[in-house]
Amino acid sequence: MSFQKRCELMKAIILAGGSGTRLWPLSSEEIPKQFLSFGKGGSLLEQTVRRFTKDHAVLVVGSEKYAPMLEEQLGAQAAVLVEPATKSTAPAILLALKHLVENGASEEEVCIVCPSDHYFEKEEDFLHLLSAAEKGARGGAIVTFGITPTYPETGYGYIKTEEGEVKRFVEKPDLDTATHLLEEGNYYWNGGIFVFQIKTLLKEFETHAPELFAWFQGDVPFEALPTISIDHAIMEKTENILLIPYPSGWSDLGSWDRLEEALPKDDAGNFLSGAVEAIDTEGSMIFGDEIVTLGVKDLVVIKRGGKVVICSKKHLPRLSETKSYLVKEE
């Protein structure tokens, strides 16, 4: 079904422009995380699109660099909007809103913005909460989902609540700040998912990011826009946010530790992706084809582009150091 024919449905804007640098060498600028599969049927992008296609008109926003992969993985499952330039999430979302309005969407309609590469332990919990989020959005709020923090993560934004009201929005803090936020309490991780009426978010752009809203009105070229996240442009400034706590496991899979926690394991604690024979192997993650392991434990093995990286799990934070060995100088 074409995007135009699904115009009566709630709109899902999926952001697929990530550059894949945090899970090197599994993901890379050539094949970012959202295009990879982690054993649940299709890539993270494909899983995200399937999550919404039954009840939503889906629009995927991505960079021109990844347009061939978007087309290859999605086909006719979703409409794809290519960014004229990569400018982070705020311009990407505004680009999507302009596309929707120009293709007949009313500014009264509700949209959900969702990253393309996140993990939900129980998708049904998330989908169940969407009706409550839509109700809040139709009341004029920007609705987000908050995840209860379990450790001082520096890769997520934080949202402070008091008596059910959002009081503060903190973009990715340093470790000391994150530790203090957890000690203070009443903070949630920001899952980066927002539900809103089109007119509501446009008003927020007009108020808090007039340089971006000027592009929406046709006054400046997209390439001239600042590179800025939706968190910095709008969410840290607006007073118009409602938060719905998310009750199940969630992760943006933004680090090797987070990926290891989320991946499904076999009885020996292994995650195997590709043509792998793991003999007497325990607690390992193996990615690639034509790999055989014997009598090893707690390893990460990654085969990419004819090269193999073998890493002890205790050294996962150092995996990025291998880049200089695997990438030839220009």
C-alpha atoms as a PDB file:
ATOM      1  CA  MET A   1       0.000   0.000   0.000  1.00  0.00           C
ATOM      2  CA  SER A   2       1.414   3.405  -0.948  1.00  0.00           C
ATOM      3  CA  PHE A   3       2.172   6.057   1.653  1.00  0.00           C
ATOM      4  CA  GLN A   4      -0.525   8.318   0.224  1.00  0.00           C
ATOM      5  CA  LYS A   5      -3.143   5.539   0.491  1.00  0.00           C
ATOM      6  CA  ARG A   6      -2.235   5.062   4.163  1.00  0.00           C
ATOM      7  CA  CYS A   7      -2.667   8.756   4.931  1.00  0.00           C
ATOM      8  CA  GLU A   8      -5.593   8.102   7.269  1.00  0.00           C
ATOM      9  CA  LEU A   9      -3.290   6.206   9.660  1.00  0.00           C
ATOM     10  CA  MET A  10      -1.123   7.588  12.439  1.00  0.00           C
ATOM     11  CA  LYS A  11       2.232   8.557  10.948  1.00  0.00           C
ATOM     12  CA  ALA A  12       5.452   6.817  12.031  1.00  0.00           C
ATOM     13  CA  ILE A  13       8.650   8.717  11.238  1.00  0.00           C
ATOM     14  CA  ILE A  14      11.646   6.388  11.542  1.00  0.00           C
ATOM     15  CA  LEU A  15      15.070   7.988  11.745  1.00  0.00           C
ATOM     16  CA  ALA A  16      17.653   5.855   9.953  1.00  0.00           C
ATOM     17  CA  GLY A  17      20.585   8.202   9.476  1.00  0.00           C
ATOM     18  CA  GLY A  18      22.997   6.882  12.111  1.00  0.00           C
ATOM     19  CA  SER A  19      26.605   6.439  11.023  1.00  0.00           C
ATOM     20  CA  GLY A  20      27.428   3.256  12.958  1.00  0.00           C
ATOM     21  CA  THR A  21      30.563   4.278  14.819  1.00  0.00           C
ATOM     22  CA  ARG A  22      29.852   2.969  18.331  1.00  0.00           C
ATOM     23  CA  LEU A  23      29.845  -0.781  17.563  1.00  0.00           C
ATOM     24  CA  TRP A  24      33.019  -0.868  15.505  1.00  0.00           C
ATOM     25  CA  PRO A  25      33.983  -3.152  13.822  1.00  0.00           C
ATOM     26  CA  LEU A  26      30.599  -4.903  13.716  1.00  0.00           C
ATOM     27  CA  SER A  27      28.999  -1.725  12.416  1.00  0.00           C
ATOM     28  CA  SER A  28      30.766   0.974  10.465  1.00  0.00           C
ATOM     29  CA  GLU A  29      30.140   4.006   8.310  1.00  0.00           C
ATOM     30  CA  GLU A  30      29.740   1.611   5.383  1.00  0.00           C
ATOM     31  CA  ILE A  31      27.163  -0.594   7.182  1.00  0.00           C
ATOM     32  CA  PRO A  32      25.705   1.162  10.248  1.00  0.00           C
ATOM     33  CA  LYS A  33      24.008  -0.667  13.102  1.00  0.00           C
ATOM     34  CA  GLN A  34      20.447  -0.148  11.831  1.00  0.00           C
ATOM     35  CA  PHE A  35      21.190  -2.310   8.764  1.00  0.00           C
ATOM     36  CA  LEU A  36      22.498  -5.266  10.802  1.00  0.00           C
ATOM     37  CA  SER A  37      20.549  -8.312  11.990  1.00  0.00           C
ATOM     38  CA  PHE A  38      20.814  -9.642  15.535  1.00  0.00           C
ATOM     39  CA  GLY A  39      18.926 -12.887  15.361  1.00  0.00           C
ATOM     40  CA  LYS A  40      15.296 -11.700  15.550  1.00  0.00           C
ATOM     41  CA  GLY A  41      14.420 -11.745  11.852  1.00  0.00           C
ATOM     42  CA  GLY A  42      15.719  -9.015   9.617  1.00  0.00           C
ATOM     43  CA  SER A  43      17.823  -5.978  10.410  1.00  0.00           C
ATOM     44  CA  LEU A  44      17.028  -3.584  13.249  1.00  0.00           C
ATOM     45  CA  LEU A  45      15.596  -1.237  10.630  1.00  0.00           C
ATOM     46  CA  GLU A  46      13.364  -3.943   9.183  1.00  0.00           C
ATOM     47  CA  GLN A  47      12.166  -4.908  12.661  1.00  0.00           C
ATOM     48  CA  THR A  48      11.351  -1.275  13.432  1.00  0.00           C
ATOM     49  CA  VAL A  49       9.400  -0.836  10.205  1.00  0.00           C
ATOM     50  CA  ARG A  50       7.440  -4.048  10.801  1.00  0.00           C
ATOM     51  CA  ARG A  51       6.601  -2.814  14.297  1.00  0.00           C
ATOM     52  CA  PHE A  52       4.578   0.006  12.761  1.00  0.00           C
ATOM     53  CA  THR A  53       3.369  -1.024   9.299  1.00  0.00           C
ATOM     54  CA  LYS A  54       0.123  -2.663  10.453  1.00  0.00           C
ATOM     55  CA  ASP A  55      -1.346   0.431  12.110  1.00  0.00           C
ATOM     56  CA  HIS A  56       0.768   3.332  10.863  1.00  0.00           C
ATOM     57  CA  ALA A  57       1.816   5.018   7.645  1.00  0.00           C
ATOM     58  CA  VAL A  58       5.604   4.664   7.803  1.00  0.00           C
ATOM     59  CA  LEU A  59       8.115   7.220   6.545  1.00  0.00           C
ATOM     60  CA  VAL A  60      11.816   6.374   6.880  1.00  0.00           C
ATOM     61  CA  VAL A  61      14.275   9.278   6.844  1.00  0.00           C
ATOM     62  CA  GLY A  62      17.879   8.518   5.919  1.00  0.00           C
ATOM     63  CA  SER A  63      20.928   9.971   4.259  1.00  0.00           C
ATOM     64  CA  GLU A  64      21.686   9.727   0.565  1.00  0.00           C
ATOM     65  CA  LYS A  65      24.758   7.632   1.372  1.00  0.00           C
ATOM     66  CA  TYR A  66      22.548   4.796   2.626  1.00  0.00           C
ATOM     67  CA  ALA A  67      19.733   5.127   0.085  1.00  0.00           C
ATOM     68  CA  PRO A  68      20.695   1.881  -1.729  1.00  0.00           C
ATOM     69  CA  MET A  69      20.618  -0.116   1.518  1.00  0.00           C
ATOM     70  CA  LEU A  70      17.310   1.483   2.515  1.00  0.00           C
ATOM     71  CA  GLU A  71      15.815   0.460  -0.800  1.00  0.00           C
ATOM     72  CA  GLU A  72      17.303  -3.045  -0.648  1.00  0.00           C
ATOM     73  CA  GLN A  73      16.031  -3.790   2.855  1.00  0.00           C
ATOM     74  CA  LEU A  74      12.658  -2.050   2.750  1.00  0.00           C
ATOM     75  CA  GLY A  75      11.454  -2.312  -0.822  1.00  0.00           C
ATOM     76  CA  ALA A  76       7.786  -1.309  -0.763  1.00  0.00           C
ATOM     77  CA  GLN A  77       7.360  -1.745   3.005  1.00  0.00           C
ATOM     78  CA  ALA A  78       7.774   1.980   3.697  1.00  0.00           C
ATOM     79  CA  ALA A  79       8.234   5.312   2.006  1.00  0.00           C
ATOM     80  CA  VAL A  80      11.835   6.570   2.113  1.00  0.00           C
ATOM     81  CA  LEU A  81      12.767  10.242   2.369  1.00  0.00           C
ATOM     82  CA  VAL A  82      16.404  11.079   1.588  1.00  0.00           C
ATOM     83  CA  GLU A  83      17.965  14.003   3.448  1.00  0.00           C
ATOM     84  CA  PRO A  84      19.601  16.643   1.215  1.00  0.00           C
ATOM     85  CA  ALA A  85      22.364  16.784   3.848  1.00  0.00           C
ATOM     86  CA  THR A  86      23.031  15.033   7.160  1.00  0.00           C
ATOM     87  CA  LYS A  87      22.057  17.485   9.891  1.00  0.00           C
ATOM     88  CA  SER A  88      21.120  15.352  12.941  1.00  0.00           C
ATOM     89  CA  THR A  89      17.663  14.612  14.278  1.00  0.00           C
ATOM     90  CA  ALA A  90      15.992  18.037  14.529  1.00  0.00           C
ATOM     91  CA  PRO A  91      16.352  18.940  10.823  1.00  0.00           C
ATOM     92  CA  ALA A  92      15.551  15.322   9.851  1.00  0.00           C
ATOM     93  CA  ILE A  93      12.274  15.407  11.781  1.00  0.00           C
ATOM     94  CA  LEU A  94      11.342  18.795  10.343  1.00  0.00           C
ATOM     95  CA  LEU A  95      12.107  17.486   6.851  1.00  0.00           C
ATOM     96  CA  ALA A  96       9.703  14.605   7.482  1.00  0.00           C
ATOM     97  CA  LEU A  97       6.974  16.938   8.759  1.00  0.00           C
ATOM     98  CA  LYS A  98       7.274  19.123   5.686  1.00  0.00           C
ATOM     99  CA  HIS A  99       7.037  16.042   3.468  1.00  0.00           C
ATOM    100  CA  LEU A 100       3.916  14.891   5.299  1.00  0.00           C
ATOM    101  CA  VAL A 101       2.175  18.257   5.044  1.00  0.00           C
ATOM    102  CA  GLU A 102       3.067  18.640   1.371  1.00  0.00           C
ATOM    103  CA  ASN A 103       1.600  15.162   0.746  1.00  0.00           C
ATOM    104  CA  GLY A 104      -1.754  15.976   2.273  1.00  0.00           C
ATOM    105  CA  ALA A 105      -1.333  15.343   6.008  1.00  0.00           C
ATOM    106  CA  SER A 106      -3.350  17.640   8.248  1.00  0.00           C
ATOM    107  CA  GLU A 107      -1.450  19.468  10.990  1.00  0.00           C
ATOM    108  CA  GLU A 108      -3.981  17.939  13.388  1.00  0.00           C
ATOM    109  CA  GLU A 109      -2.600  14.465  12.716  1.00  0.00           C
ATOM    110  CA  VAL A 110      -0.497  12.584  15.234  1.00  0.00           C
ATOM    111  CA  CYS A 111       3.030  11.363  14.480  1.00  0.00           C
ATOM    112  CA  ILE A 112       5.446   9.146  16.325  1.00  0.00           C
ATOM    113  CA  VAL A 113       9.185   9.648  15.855  1.00  0.00           C
ATOM    114  CA  CYS A 114      11.289   6.565  16.560  1.00  0.00           C
ATOM    115  CA  PRO A 115      14.946   5.635  15.973  1.00  0.00           C
ATOM    116  CA  SER A 116      15.539   2.721  13.620  1.00  0.00           C
ATOM    117  CA  ASP A 117      18.013   0.763  15.728  1.00  0.00           C
ATOM    118  CA  HIS A 118      16.539   0.246  19.201  1.00  0.00           C
ATOM    119  CA  TYR A 119      15.793  -2.985  21.033  1.00  0.00           C
ATOM    120  CA  PHE A 120      12.504  -3.712  22.850  1.00  0.00           C
ATOM    121  CA  GLU A 121      12.405  -6.761  25.087  1.00  0.00           C
ATOM    122  CA  LYS A 122       8.596  -6.856  24.854  1.00  0.00           C
ATOM    123  CA  GLU A 123       7.301  -5.021  21.808  1.00  0.00           C
ATOM    124  CA  GLU A 124       3.730  -5.590  22.929  1.00  0.00           C
ATOM    125  CA  ASP A 125       4.292  -3.350  25.959  1.00  0.00           C
ATOM    126  CA  PHE A 126       5.463  -0.507  23.750  1.00  0.00           C
ATOM    127  CA  LEU A 127       2.631  -0.901  21.256  1.00  0.00           C
ATOM    128  CA  HIS A 128       0.082  -1.085  24.066  1.00  0.00           C
ATOM    129  CA  LEU A 129       1.245   2.298  25.402  1.00  0.00           C
ATOM    130  CA  LEU A 130       0.878   4.036  22.042  1.00  0.00           C
ATOM    131  CA  SER A 131      -2.843   4.613  22.521  1.00  0.00           C
ATOM    132  CA  ALA A 132      -2.176   6.483  25.762  1.00  0.00           C
ATOM    133  CA  ALA A 133       0.582   8.441  24.043  1.00  0.00           C
ATOM    134  CA  GLU A 134      -1.732   9.360  21.186  1.00  0.00           C
ATOM    135  CA  LYS A 135      -4.347  10.590  23.637  1.00  0.00           C
ATOM    136  CA  GLY A 136      -1.764  12.840  25.299  1.00  0.00           C
ATOM    137  CA  ALA A 137      -0.596  14.128  21.943  1.00  0.00           C
ATOM    138  CA  ARG A 138      -4.145  15.006  20.898  1.00  0.00           C
ATOM    139  CA  GLY A 139      -4.335  17.027  24.097  1.00  0.00           C
ATOM    140  CA  GLY A 140      -1.531  19.202  22.782  1.00  0.00           C
ATOM    141  CA  ALA A 141       1.521  17.670  24.468  1.00  0.00           C
ATOM    142  CA  ILE A 142       4.727  16.130  23.206  1.00  0.00           C
ATOM    143  CA  VAL A 143       4.701  12.647  24.726  1.00  0.00           C
ATOM    144  CA  THR A 144       7.867  10.682  25.371  1.00  0.00           C
ATOM    145  CA  PHE A 145       8.673   7.339  26.940  1.00  0.00           C
ATOM    146  CA  GLY A 146      10.891   7.142  30.008  1.00  0.00           C
ATOM    147  CA  ILE A 147      13.011   4.124  30.921  1.00  0.00           C
ATOM    148  CA  THR A 148      13.945   3.582  34.561  1.00  0.00           C
ATOM    149  CA  PRO A 149      17.760   3.905  34.761  1.00  0.00           C
ATOM    150  CA  THR A 150      19.708   1.037  36.273  1.00  0.00           C
ATOM    151  CA  TYR A 151      23.223   2.514  36.152  1.00  0.00           C
ATOM    152  CA  PRO A 152      24.822   5.930  35.355  1.00  0.00           C
ATOM    153  CA  GLU A 153      24.749   5.716  31.546  1.00  0.00           C
ATOM    154  CA  THR A 154      26.420   8.640  29.733  1.00  0.00           C
ATOM    155  CA  GLY A 155      25.060   7.771  26.285  1.00  0.00           C
ATOM    156  CA  TYR A 156      21.404   8.596  27.052  1.00  0.00           C
ATOM    157  CA  GLY A 157      19.548  11.790  27.836  1.00  0.00           C
ATOM    158  CA  TYR A 158      17.697  12.015  31.160  1.00  0.00           C
ATOM    159  CA  ILE A 159      14.250  13.342  32.036  1.00  0.00           C
ATOM    160  CA  LYS A 160      13.368  14.483  35.568  1.00  0.00           C
ATOM    161  CA  THR A 161       9.808  14.192  36.825  1.00  0.00           C
ATOM    162  CA  GLU A 162       8.065  15.463  39.944  1.00  0.00           C
ATOM    163  CA  GLU A 163       4.556  14.296  40.862  1.00  0.00           C
ATOM    164  CA  GLY A 164       4.023  13.056  37.329  1.00  0.00           C
ATOM    165  CA  GLU A 165       5.178  16.247  35.611  1.00  0.00           C
ATOM    166  CA  VAL A 166       8.316  16.655  33.514  1.00  0.00           C
ATOM    167  CA  LYS A 167      10.585  19.226  35.146  1.00  0.00           C
ATOM    168  CA  ARG A 168      13.928  18.895  33.417  1.00  0.00           C
ATOM    169  CA  PHE A 169      15.440  17.439  30.266  1.00  0.00           C
ATOM    170  CA  VAL A 170      19.187  16.659  30.395  1.00  0.00           C
ATOM    171  CA  GLU A 171      21.103  15.753  27.253  1.00  0.00           C
ATOM    172  CA  LYS A 172      23.788  13.021  27.574  1.00  0.00           C
ATOM    173  CA  PRO A 173      25.693  13.878  30.790  1.00  0.00           C
ATOM    174  CA  ASP A 174      29.236  13.038  31.830  1.00  0.00           C
ATOM    175  CA  LEU A 175      29.734  10.202  34.309  1.00  0.00           C
ATOM    176  CA  ASP A 176      29.796  12.377  37.431  1.00  0.00           C
ATOM    177  CA  THR A 177      26.581  14.129  36.407  1.00  0.00           C
ATOM    178  CA  ALA A 178      24.860  10.853  35.499  1.00  0.00           C
ATOM    179  CA  THR A 179      25.833   9.390  38.882  1.00  0.00           C
ATOM    180  CA  HIS A 180      24.426  12.446  40.644  1.00  0.00           C
ATOM    181  CA  LEU A 181      21.166  12.221  38.689  1.00  0.00           C
ATOM    182  CA  LEU A 182      20.632   8.617  39.797  1.00  0.00           C
ATOM    183  CA  GLU A 183      21.389   9.537  43.408  1.00  0.00           C
ATOM    184  CA  GLU A 184      18.940  12.426  43.217  1.00  0.00           C
ATOM    185  CA  GLY A 185      16.186  10.154  41.890  1.00  0.00           C
ATOM    186  CA  ASN A 186      13.049  10.780  39.817  1.00  0.00           C
ATOM    187  CA  TYR A 187      15.025  10.638  36.565  1.00  0.00           C
ATOM    188  CA  TYR A 188      14.263   8.482  33.549  1.00  0.00           C
ATOM    189  CA  TRP A 189      16.382   7.659  30.543  1.00  0.00           C
ATOM    190  CA  ASN A 190      15.151   9.370  27.403  1.00  0.00           C
ATOM    191  CA  GLY A 191      14.293   6.679  24.857  1.00  0.00           C
ATOM    192  CA  GLY A 192      14.324   9.151  21.967  1.00  0.00           C
ATOM    193  CA  ILE A 193      10.718   8.356  21.000  1.00  0.00           C
ATOM    194  CA  PHE A 194       8.215  11.204  20.717  1.00  0.00           C
ATOM    195  CA  VAL A 195       4.485  11.340  19.917  1.00  0.00           C
ATOM    196  CA  PHE A 196       2.852  14.637  18.942  1.00  0.00           C
ATOM    197  CA  GLN A 197       0.419  16.415  16.675  1.00  0.00           C
ATOM    198  CA  ILE A 198       2.171  17.974  13.699  1.00  0.00           C
ATOM    199  CA  LYS A 199       0.939  21.441  14.644  1.00  0.00           C
ATOM    200  CA  THR A 200       2.324  21.053  18.181  1.00  0.00           C
ATOM    201  CA  LEU A 201       5.870  20.294  17.124  1.00  0.00           C
ATOM    202  CA  LEU A 202       5.827  22.952  14.401  1.00  0.00           C
ATOM    203  CA  LYS A 203       4.869  25.511  17.038  1.00  0.00           C
ATOM    204  CA  GLU A 204       7.772  24.353  19.192  1.00  0.00           C
ATOM    205  CA  PHE A 205      10.153  24.762  16.244  1.00  0.00           C
ATOM    206  CA  GLU A 206       8.799  28.240  15.605  1.00  0.00           C
ATOM    207  CA  THR A 207       9.300  29.198  19.268  1.00  0.00           C
ATOM    208  CA  HIS A 208      12.575  27.488  20.156  1.00  0.00           C
ATOM    209  CA  ALA A 209      14.353  26.895  16.825  1.00  0.00           C
ATOM    210  CA  PRO A 210      13.335  29.759  14.509  1.00  0.00           C
ATOM    211  CA  GLU A 211      16.341  29.180  12.239  1.00  0.00           C
ATOM    212  CA  LEU A 212      14.988  25.698  11.511  1.00  0.00           C
ATOM    213  CA  PHE A 213      11.396  26.849  11.194  1.00  0.00           C
ATOM    214  CA  ALA A 214      12.541  29.411   8.614  1.00  0.00           C
ATOM    215  CA  TRP A 215      13.541  26.476   6.398  1.00  0.00           C
ATOM    216  CA  PHE A 216      10.085  24.933   6.843  1.00  0.00           C
ATOM    217  CA  GLN A 217       8.621  28.180   5.548  1.00  0.00           C
ATOM    218  CA  GLY A 218      10.938  28.068   2.541  1.00  0.00           C
ATOM    219  CA  ASP A 219      13.276  30.876   3.513  1.00  0.00           C
ATOM    220  CA  VAL A 220      16.650  29.041   3.697  1.00  0.00           C
ATOM    221  CA  PRO A 221      18.247  25.994   2.006  1.00  0.00           C
ATOM    222  CA  PHE A 222      18.343  22.746   3.988  1.00  0.00           C
ATOM    223  CA  GLU A 223      22.123  22.533   3.597  1.00  0.00           C
ATOM    224  CA  ALA A 224      22.483  25.803   5.531  1.00  0.00           C
ATOM    225  CA  LEU A 225      20.707  24.488   8.642  1.00  0.00           C
ATOM    226  CA  PRO A 226      22.693  23.857  11.829  1.00  0.00           C
ATOM    227  CA  THR A 227      23.503  20.295  12.834  1.00  0.00           C
ATOM    228  CA  ILE A 228      21.460  19.885  16.000  1.00  0.00           C
ATOM    229  CA  SER A 229      19.563  17.128  17.806  1.00  0.00           C
ATOM    230  CA  ILE A 230      15.864  17.336  18.600  1.00  0.00           C
ATOM    231  CA  ASP A 231      16.862  17.165  22.273  1.00  0.00           C
ATOM    232  CA  HIS A 232      18.957  20.333  22.082  1.00  0.00           C
ATOM    233  CA  ALA A 233      16.661  22.162  19.661  1.00  0.00           C
ATOM    234  CA  ILE A 234      13.318  21.490  21.360  1.00  0.00           C
ATOM    235  CA  MET A 235      13.144  19.061  24.256  1.00  0.00           C
ATOM    236  CA  GLU A 236      15.542  20.860  26.603  1.00  0.00           C
ATOM    237  CA  LYS A 237      13.582  24.087  26.098  1.00  0.00           C
ATOM    238  CA  THR A 238       9.923  23.155  25.884  1.00  0.00           C
ATOM    239  CA  GLU A 239       7.594  22.998  28.880  1.00  0.00           C
ATOM    240  CA  ASN A 240       5.107  20.936  26.927  1.00  0.00           C
ATOM    241  CA  ILE A 241       6.198  17.338  27.618  1.00  0.00           C
ATOM    242  CA  LEU A 242       4.355  14.369  29.072  1.00  0.00           C
ATOM    243  CA  LEU A 243       6.248  11.231  30.068  1.00  0.00           C
ATOM    244  CA  ILE A 244       4.945   7.664  30.025  1.00  0.00           C
ATOM    245  CA  PRO A 245       7.122   5.180  31.957  1.00  0.00           C
ATOM    246  CA  TYR A 246       8.109   2.191  29.846  1.00  0.00           C
ATOM    247  CA  PRO A 247       7.846  -1.026  31.901  1.00  0.00           C
ATOM    248  CA  SER A 248      10.043  -3.485  29.973  1.00  0.00           C
ATOM    249  CA  GLY A 249      13.614  -3.898  28.862  1.00  0.00           C
ATOM    250  CA  TRP A 250      14.859  -1.394  26.295  1.00  0.00           C
ATOM    251  CA  SER A 251      18.223  -0.456  24.835  1.00  0.00           C
ATOM    252  CA  ASP A 252      19.592   1.704  22.058  1.00  0.00           C
ATOM    253  CA  LEU A 253      22.321  -0.964  21.603  1.00  0.00           C
ATOM    254  CA  GLY A 254      24.756   1.924  21.650  1.00  0.00           C
ATOM    255  CA  SER A 255      27.728   0.076  23.132  1.00  0.00           C
ATOM    256  CA  TRP A 256      29.165  -3.423  23.175  1.00  0.00           C
ATOM    257  CA  ASP A 257      28.071  -3.897  26.781  1.00  0.00           C
ATOM    258  CA  ARG A 258      24.477  -2.934  25.941  1.00  0.00           C
ATOM    259  CA  LEU A 259      24.494  -5.157  22.864  1.00  0.00           C
ATOM    260  CA  GLU A 260      25.728  -8.147  24.850  1.00  0.00           C
ATOM    261  CA  GLU A 261      22.943  -7.679  27.410  1.00  0.00           C
ATOM    262  CA  ALA A 262      20.227  -7.616  24.737  1.00  0.00           C
ATOM    263  CA  LEU A 263      21.325 -10.412  22.399  1.00  0.00           C
ATOM    264  CA  PRO A 264      19.549 -13.780  22.690  1.00  0.00           C
ATOM    265  CA  LYS A 265      21.886 -16.531  23.889  1.00  0.00           C
ATOM    266  CA  ASP A 266      21.976 -20.302  23.425  1.00  0.00           C
ATOM    267  CA  ASP A 267      22.300 -22.764  26.298  1.00  0.00           C
ATOM    268  CA  ALA A 268      26.048 -22.171  26.435  1.00  0.00           C
ATOM    269  CA  GLY A 269      25.617 -18.405  26.662  1.00  0.00           C
ATOM    270  CA  ASN A 270      26.712 -17.802  23.071  1.00  0.00           C
ATOM    271  CA  PHE A 271      25.275 -15.541  20.397  1.00  0.00           C
ATOM    272  CA  LEU A 272      26.124 -16.842  16.926  1.00  0.00           C
ATOM    273  CA  SER A 273      25.421 -14.927  13.723  1.00  0.00           C
ATOM    274  CA  GLY A 274      26.341 -16.503  10.390  1.00  0.00           C
ATOM    275  CA  ALA A 275      27.802 -19.875   9.422  1.00  0.00           C
ATOM    276  CA  VAL A 276      29.458 -20.572  12.779  1.00  0.00           C
ATOM    277  CA  GLU A 277      30.463 -23.854  14.409  1.00  0.00           C
ATOM    278  CA  ALA A 278      31.022 -23.245  18.123  1.00  0.00           C
ATOM    279  CA  ILE A 279      32.444 -26.397  19.697  1.00  0.00           C
ATOM    280  CA  ASP A 280      32.833 -26.456  23.481  1.00  0.00           C
ATOM    281  CA  THR A 281      32.486 -22.683  23.334  1.00  0.00           C
ATOM    282  CA  GLU A 282      30.921 -20.634  26.127  1.00  0.00           C
ATOM    283  CA  GLY A 283      29.804 -17.060  26.713  1.00  0.00           C
ATOM    284  CA  SER A 284      30.951 -15.781  23.327  1.00  0.00           C
ATOM    285  CA  MET A 285      29.581 -13.543  20.567  1.00  0.00           C
ATOM    286  CA  ILE A 286      30.559 -14.595  17.051  1.00  0.00           C
ATOM    287  CA  PHE A 287      29.643 -12.722  13.867  1.00  0.00           C
ATOM    288  CA  GLY A 288      30.542 -13.929  10.390  1.00  0.00           C
ATOM    289  CA  ASP A 289      30.679 -16.936   8.081  1.00  0.00           C
ATOM    290  CA  GLU A 290      33.030 -19.904   7.963  1.00  0.00           C
ATOM    291  CA  ILE A 291      34.141 -19.519  11.578  1.00  0.00           C
ATOM    292  CA  VAL A 292      34.933 -22.472  13.829  1.00  0.00           C
ATOM    293  CA  THR A 293      35.787 -22.149  17.522  1.00  0.00           C
ATOM    294  CA  LEU A 294      36.936 -24.901  19.877  1.00  0.00           C
ATOM    295  CA  GLY A 295      37.315 -24.810  23.643  1.00  0.00           C
ATOM    296  CA  VAL A 296      37.133 -21.042  24.070  1.00  0.00           C
ATOM    297  CA  LYS A 297      35.214 -18.854  26.483  1.00  0.00           C
ATOM    298  CA  ASP A 298      34.133 -15.200  26.750  1.00  0.00           C
ATOM    299  CA  LEU A 299      35.364 -14.098  23.343  1.00  0.00           C
ATOM    300  CA  VAL A 300      34.014 -11.729  20.716  1.00  0.00           C
ATOM    301  CA  VAL A 301      34.844 -12.804  17.160  1.00  0.00           C
ATOM    302  CA  ILE A 302      33.952 -10.538  14.232  1.00  0.00           C
ATOM    303  CA  LYS A 303      34.677 -11.326  10.580  1.00  0.00           C
ATOM    304  CA  ARG A 304      34.223  -8.370   8.250  1.00  0.00           C
ATOM    305  CA  GLY A 305      35.641  -7.658   4.816  1.00  0.00           C
ATOM    306  CA  GLY A 306      38.026 -10.586   4.856  1.00  0.00           C
ATOM    307  CA  LYS A 307      39.535  -9.631   8.216  1.00  0.00           C
ATOM    308  CA  VAL A 308      38.883 -11.108  11.648  1.00  0.00           C
ATOM    309  CA  VAL A 309      38.932  -9.412  15.042  1.00  0.00           C
ATOM    310  CA  ILE A 310      39.175 -11.620  18.144  1.00  0.00           C
ATOM    311  CA  CYS A 311      38.677  -9.883  21.472  1.00  0.00           C
ATOM    312  CA  SER A 312      38.339 -10.980  25.089  1.00  0.00           C
ATOM    313  CA  LYS A 313      35.060  -9.740  26.539  1.00  0.00           C
ATOM    314  CA  LYS A 314      36.901  -7.964  29.322  1.00  0.00           C
ATOM    315  CA  HIS A 315      38.491  -5.740  26.664  1.00  0.00           C
ATOM    316  CA  LEU A 316      35.254  -4.829  24.840  1.00  0.00           C
ATOM    317  CA  PRO A 317      35.636  -1.093  25.579  1.00  0.00           C
ATOM    318  CA  ARG A 318      38.918  -1.162  23.638  1.00  0.00           C
ATOM    319  CA  LEU A 319      37.518  -2.614  20.414  1.00  0.00           C
ATOM    320  CA  SER A 320      37.668   0.766  18.684  1.00  0.00           C
ATOM    321  CA  GLU A 321      41.471   0.571  18.937  1.00  0.00           C
ATOM    322  CA  THR A 322      41.412  -2.081  16.204  1.00  0.00           C
ATOM    323  CA  LYS A 323      40.200   0.438  13.653  1.00  0.00           C
ATOM    324  CA  SER A 324      43.675   1.694  12.850  1.00  0.00           C
ATOM    325  CA  TYR A 325      44.689  -1.862  11.961  1.00  0.00           C
ATOM    326  CA  LEU A 326      41.665  -2.670   9.832  1.00  0.00           C
ATOM    327  CA  VAL A 327      41.198   0.559   7.886  1.00  0.00           C
ATOM    328  CA  LYS A 328      43.846   1.552   5.404  1.00  0.00           C
ATOM    329  CA  GLU A 329      44.861   5.180   5.288  1.00  0.00           C
ATOM    330  CA  GLU A 330      43.336   7.148   2.430  1.00  0.00           C
END
